[in-house]
């Protein structure tokens, strides 16, 4: 009975140690995933800002050219 108690305690200690190591590993992976998500959002926002600046520049500086292309597209209705 005493040996069984010792084996039980060793098994509990090993399981707690394993869970601690797994918890640390998962926290590390979650932190890395969060960092990657933040980096992706930053890159997405940067790209969106560049697109917005480009569209604004096209609308203000090249208004006639954009309007000409749009009229050409809209008036053709897909005909070639």
C-alpha atoms as a PDB file:
ATOM      1  CA  UNK A   1       0.000   0.000   0.000  1.00  0.00           C
ATOM      2  CA  UNK A   2       2.867   2.362   0.832  1.00  0.00           C
ATOM      3  CA  UNK A   3       4.493   1.696  -2.572  1.00  0.00           C
ATOM      4  CA  UNK A   4       1.218   2.424  -4.323  1.00  0.00           C
ATOM      5  CA  UNK A   5       0.976   5.746  -2.497  1.00  0.00           C
ATOM      6  CA  UNK A   6       4.513   6.680  -3.561  1.00  0.00           C
ATOM      7  CA  UNK A   7       3.812   5.699  -7.191  1.00  0.00           C
ATOM      8  CA  UNK A   8       0.605   7.750  -7.092  1.00  0.00           C
ATOM      9  CA  UNK A   9       2.427  10.829  -5.777  1.00  0.00           C
ATOM     10  CA  UNK A  10       5.186  10.470  -8.379  1.00  0.00           C
ATOM     11  CA  UNK A  11       2.547  10.187 -11.121  1.00  0.00           C
ATOM     12  CA  UNK A  12       0.803  13.331  -9.841  1.00  0.00           C
ATOM     13  CA  UNK A  13       4.097  15.265  -9.735  1.00  0.00           C
ATOM     14  CA  UNK A  14       4.981  14.129 -13.262  1.00  0.00           C
ATOM     15  CA  UNK A  15       1.536  15.097 -14.574  1.00  0.00           C
ATOM     16  CA  UNK A  16       1.720  18.536 -12.922  1.00  0.00           C
ATOM     17  CA  UNK A  17       5.194  19.053 -14.397  1.00  0.00           C
ATOM     18  CA  UNK A  18       3.993  18.016 -17.838  1.00  0.00           C
ATOM     19  CA  UNK A  19       0.984  20.355 -17.621  1.00  0.00           C
ATOM     20  CA  UNK A  20       3.266  23.208 -16.552  1.00  0.00           C
ATOM     21  CA  UNK A  21       5.574  22.652 -19.525  1.00  0.00           C
ATOM     22  CA  UNK A  22       2.591  22.400 -21.916  1.00  0.00           C
ATOM     23  CA  UNK A  23       1.087  25.574 -20.478  1.00  0.00           C
ATOM     24  CA  UNK A  24       4.351  27.450 -21.008  1.00  0.00           C
ATOM     25  CA  UNK A  25       4.621  26.122 -24.556  1.00  0.00           C
ATOM     26  CA  UNK A  26       1.042  27.095 -25.402  1.00  0.00           C
ATOM     27  CA  UNK A  27       1.466  30.582 -23.932  1.00  0.00           C
ATOM     28  CA  UNK A  28       4.565  31.026 -26.095  1.00  0.00           C
ATOM     29  CA  UNK A  29       2.673  29.911 -29.239  1.00  0.00           C
ATOM     30  CA  UNK A  30      -0.296  32.172 -28.450  1.00  0.00           C
ATOM     31  CA  UNK A  31       2.017  35.147 -27.914  1.00  0.00           C
ATOM     32  CA  UNK A  32       3.685  34.463 -31.277  1.00  0.00           C
ATOM     33  CA  UNK A  33       0.283  34.166 -32.990  1.00  0.00           C
ATOM     34  CA  UNK A  34      -0.819  37.472 -31.458  1.00  0.00           C
ATOM     35  CA  UNK A  35       2.370  39.178 -32.649  1.00  0.00           C
ATOM     36  CA  UNK A  36       1.834  37.802 -36.155  1.00  0.00           C
ATOM     37  CA  UNK A  37      -1.779  38.993 -36.138  1.00  0.00           C
ATOM     38  CA  UNK A  38      -0.747  42.493 -35.061  1.00  0.00           C
ATOM     39  CA  UNK A  39       1.948  42.580 -37.759  1.00  0.00           C
ATOM     40  CA  UNK A  40      -0.608  41.494 -40.364  1.00  0.00           C
ATOM     41  CA  UNK A  41      -3.023  44.206 -39.256  1.00  0.00           C
ATOM     42  CA  UNK A  42      -0.279  46.819 -39.405  1.00  0.00           C
ATOM     43  CA  UNK A  43       0.675  45.755 -42.923  1.00  0.00           C
ATOM     44  CA  UNK A  44      -2.979  45.694 -43.972  1.00  0.00           C
ATOM     45  CA  UNK A  45      -3.562  49.197 -42.587  1.00  0.00           C
ATOM     46  CA  UNK A  46      -0.432  50.462 -44.319  1.00  0.00           C
ATOM     47  CA  UNK A  47      -1.570  48.986 -47.643  1.00  0.00           C
ATOM     48  CA  UNK A  48      -5.052  50.440 -47.163  1.00  0.00           C
ATOM     49  CA  UNK A  49      -3.609  53.865 -46.467  1.00  0.00           C
ATOM     50  CA  UNK A  50      -1.441  53.663 -49.588  1.00  0.00           C
ATOM     51  CA  UNK A  51      -4.441  52.631 -51.695  1.00  0.00           C
ATOM     52  CA  UNK A  52      -6.526  55.454 -50.235  1.00  0.00           C
ATOM     53  CA  UNK A  53      -3.773  57.982 -50.958  1.00  0.00           C
ATOM     54  CA  UNK A  54      -3.438  56.647 -54.506  1.00  0.00           C
ATOM     55  CA  UNK A  55      -7.194  56.812 -55.133  1.00  0.00           C
ATOM     56  CA  UNK A  56      -7.371  60.333 -53.691  1.00  0.00           C
ATOM     57  CA  UNK A  57      -4.458  61.436 -55.854  1.00  0.00           C
ATOM     58  CA  UNK A  58      -6.077  59.879 -58.930  1.00  0.00           C
ATOM     59  CA  UNK A  59      -9.373  61.575 -58.169  1.00  0.00           C
ATOM     60  CA  UNK A  60      -7.861  65.029 -57.645  1.00  0.00           C
ATOM     61  CA  UNK A  61      -4.819  65.213 -59.904  1.00  0.00           C
ATOM     62  CA  UNK A  62      -5.955  63.041 -62.790  1.00  0.00           C
ATOM     63  CA  UNK A  63      -9.663  63.683 -62.681  1.00  0.00           C
ATOM     64  CA  UNK A  64     -10.032  64.021 -66.453  1.00  0.00           C
ATOM     65  CA  UNK A  65      -8.103  60.836 -67.188  1.00  0.00           C
ATOM     66  CA  UNK A  66     -10.089  58.800 -64.670  1.00  0.00           C
ATOM     67  CA  UNK A  67     -13.336  60.224 -65.959  1.00  0.00           C
ATOM     68  CA  UNK A  68     -12.367  59.412 -69.550  1.00  0.00           C
ATOM     69  CA  UNK A  69     -11.548  55.811 -68.675  1.00  0.00           C
ATOM     70  CA  UNK A  70     -14.749  55.391 -66.686  1.00  0.00           C
ATOM     71  CA  UNK A  71     -16.853  56.854 -69.497  1.00  0.00           C
ATOM     72  CA  UNK A  72     -15.167  54.544 -71.975  1.00  0.00           C
ATOM     73  CA  UNK A  73     -15.888  51.527 -69.754  1.00  0.00           C
ATOM     74  CA  UNK A  74     -19.473  52.543 -68.961  1.00  0.00           C
ATOM     75  CA  UNK A  75     -20.416  53.507 -72.511  1.00  0.00           C
ATOM     76  CA  UNK A  76     -19.106  50.299 -74.087  1.00  0.00           C
ATOM     77  CA  UNK A  77     -21.241  48.046 -71.857  1.00  0.00           C
ATOM     78  CA  UNK A  78     -18.978  45.105 -72.575  1.00  0.00           C
ATOM     79  CA  UNK A  79     -19.092  45.438 -76.397  1.00  0.00           C
ATOM     80  CA  UNK A  80     -15.891  44.900 -78.327  1.00  0.00           C
END
